[in-house]
Structures are given as C-alpha cells and as structure tokens.
C-alpha atoms as a PDB file:
ATOM      1  CA  MET A   1     -14.962   0.305 -85.148  1.00  0.00           C
ATOM      2  CA  LYS A   2     -12.891  -1.954 -82.906  1.00  0.00           C
ATOM      3  CA  LYS A   3     -13.877  -5.591 -82.487  1.00  0.00           C
ATOM      4  CA  MET A   4     -13.016  -8.010 -79.734  1.00  0.00           C
ATOM      5  CA  TYR A   5     -11.061 -11.085 -80.819  1.00  0.00           C
ATOM      6  CA  LEU A   6      -9.249 -13.923 -79.110  1.00  0.00           C
ATOM      7  CA  SER A   7      -5.544 -13.199 -79.334  1.00  0.00           C
ATOM      8  CA  ARG A   8      -3.344 -15.460 -81.441  1.00  0.00           C
ATOM      9  CA  ASP A   9      -0.085 -13.992 -80.125  1.00  0.00           C
ATOM     10  CA  ASP A  10      -0.753 -13.313 -76.439  1.00  0.00           C
ATOM     11  CA  LYS A  11      -2.531 -16.361 -75.101  1.00  0.00           C
ATOM     12  CA  LYS A  12      -2.075 -18.715 -72.189  1.00  0.00           C
ATOM     13  CA  ILE A  13      -5.165 -20.917 -72.516  1.00  0.00           C
ATOM     14  CA  ASN A  14      -7.525 -19.671 -75.218  1.00  0.00           C
ATOM     15  CA  GLY A  15      -6.483 -16.031 -75.780  1.00  0.00           C
ATOM     16  CA  PHE A  16      -9.450 -14.315 -74.123  1.00  0.00           C
ATOM     17  CA  CYS A  17      -7.460 -12.200 -71.649  1.00  0.00           C
ATOM     18  CA  GLY A  18      -4.872 -11.334 -74.317  1.00  0.00           C
ATOM     19  CA  GLY A  19      -7.629 -10.293 -76.710  1.00  0.00           C
ATOM     20  CA  LEU A  20      -9.370  -8.242 -74.039  1.00  0.00           C
ATOM     21  CA  GLY A  21      -6.071  -6.541 -73.256  1.00  0.00           C
ATOM     22  CA  GLU A  22      -5.583  -5.667 -76.930  1.00  0.00           C
ATOM     23  CA  TYR A  23      -9.166  -4.390 -77.170  1.00  0.00           C
ATOM     24  CA  LEU A  24      -8.880  -2.185 -74.073  1.00  0.00           C
ATOM     25  CA  ASP A  25      -5.256  -1.158 -74.761  1.00  0.00           C
ATOM     26  CA  LEU A  26      -4.145  -2.582 -71.407  1.00  0.00           C
ATOM     27  CA  ASP A  27      -1.422  -5.040 -70.469  1.00  0.00           C
ATOM     28  CA  SER A  28      -2.753  -8.599 -70.660  1.00  0.00           C
ATOM     29  CA  THR A  29      -1.021  -9.452 -67.370  1.00  0.00           C
ATOM     30  CA  LEU A  30      -3.171  -6.830 -65.647  1.00  0.00           C
ATOM     31  CA  ILE A  31      -6.294  -8.307 -67.257  1.00  0.00           C
ATOM     32  CA  ARG A  32      -5.289 -11.798 -66.087  1.00  0.00           C
ATOM     33  CA  LEU A  33      -4.687 -10.526 -62.550  1.00  0.00           C
ATOM     34  CA  ILE A  34      -8.074  -8.768 -62.456  1.00  0.00           C
ATOM     35  CA  PHE A  35      -9.730 -11.910 -63.818  1.00  0.00           C
ATOM     36  CA  LEU A  36      -8.025 -14.015 -61.134  1.00  0.00           C
ATOM     37  CA  LEU A  37      -9.081 -11.651 -58.333  1.00  0.00           C
ATOM     38  CA  LEU A  38     -12.668 -11.569 -59.625  1.00  0.00           C
ATOM     39  CA  GLY A  39     -12.626 -15.357 -59.783  1.00  0.00           C
ATOM     40  CA  ILE A  40     -11.531 -15.604 -56.166  1.00  0.00           C
ATOM     41  CA  ALA A  41     -14.049 -12.982 -55.039  1.00  0.00           C
ATOM     42  CA  THR A  42     -17.058 -14.486 -56.828  1.00  0.00           C
ATOM     43  CA  GLY A  43     -16.158 -18.134 -56.595  1.00  0.00           C
ATOM     44  CA  VAL A  44     -14.175 -20.093 -59.114  1.00  0.00           C
ATOM     45  CA  LEU A  45     -17.082 -21.801 -60.875  1.00  0.00           C
ATOM     46  CA  PRO A  46     -18.923 -18.679 -62.182  1.00  0.00           C
ATOM     47  CA  MET A  47     -15.717 -17.196 -63.626  1.00  0.00           C
ATOM     48  CA  LEU A  48     -14.709 -20.550 -65.106  1.00  0.00           C
ATOM     49  CA  ILE A  49     -18.089 -20.853 -66.823  1.00  0.00           C
ATOM     50  CA  PHE A  50     -17.781 -17.247 -68.090  1.00  0.00           C
ATOM     51  CA  TYR A  51     -14.260 -17.934 -69.397  1.00  0.00           C
ATOM     52  CA  ILE A  52     -15.357 -21.070 -71.260  1.00  0.00           C
ATOM     53  CA  ILE A  53     -18.395 -19.343 -72.789  1.00  0.00           C
ATOM     54  CA  ALA A  54     -16.309 -16.295 -73.775  1.00  0.00           C
ATOM     55  CA  GLY A  55     -13.746 -18.565 -75.436  1.00  0.00           C
ATOM     56  CA  ILE A  56     -16.523 -20.143 -77.498  1.00  0.00           C
ATOM     57  CA  VAL A  57     -18.444 -16.960 -78.382  1.00  0.00           C
ATOM     58  CA  VAL A  58     -15.606 -14.521 -79.140  1.00  0.00           C
ATOM     59  CA  PRO A  59     -14.102 -15.153 -82.615  1.00  0.00           C
ATOM     60  CA  VAL A  60     -10.407 -15.810 -83.191  1.00  0.00           C
ATOM     61  CA  LYS A  61      -8.463 -12.884 -84.636  1.00  0.00           C
ATOM     62  CA  PRO A  62      -8.056 -13.370 -88.388  1.00  0.00           C
ATOM     63  CA  GLU A  63      -4.531 -13.767 -89.715  1.00  0.00           C
ATOM     64  CA  THR A  64      -3.066 -10.745 -91.449  1.00  0.00           C
ATOM     65  CA  PRO A  65      -1.009 -11.369 -94.583  1.00  0.00           C
END
C-alpha cells in the first residue's frame, strides 16, 4: 500500500507538492501549477491554511539506507 510523504528530494518549501507528485506519479511542477491555480481561484488564504496544515500532518519520507 502506498503512503503519502513529504518529499525530501523534490521540495521548494516543505515538500508537500513534491510528495503528492510522487504519490500520484505526476510531475511535481504540474502539481505546483494546479495548486497555484486553485489558490488563485479560491482565494490565497484557504489554500495557504491547507498547505500549512498538510505540511504539519503529512509525515516526512523516511531515509532509505
């Protein structure tokens, strides 16, 4: 079973969009663009709050040896 993690390798701020891209097997740039467009469409504050909460709730990807 796949799990969602914050990305350690592909991150700009906290790794949420990179981790979501890895989870969905999509390019993280596309995820960031969709997130930006949703933020503009819904207002910046709701998406900012979601992003902060997701960064706190989603665990960081464990290091592999």
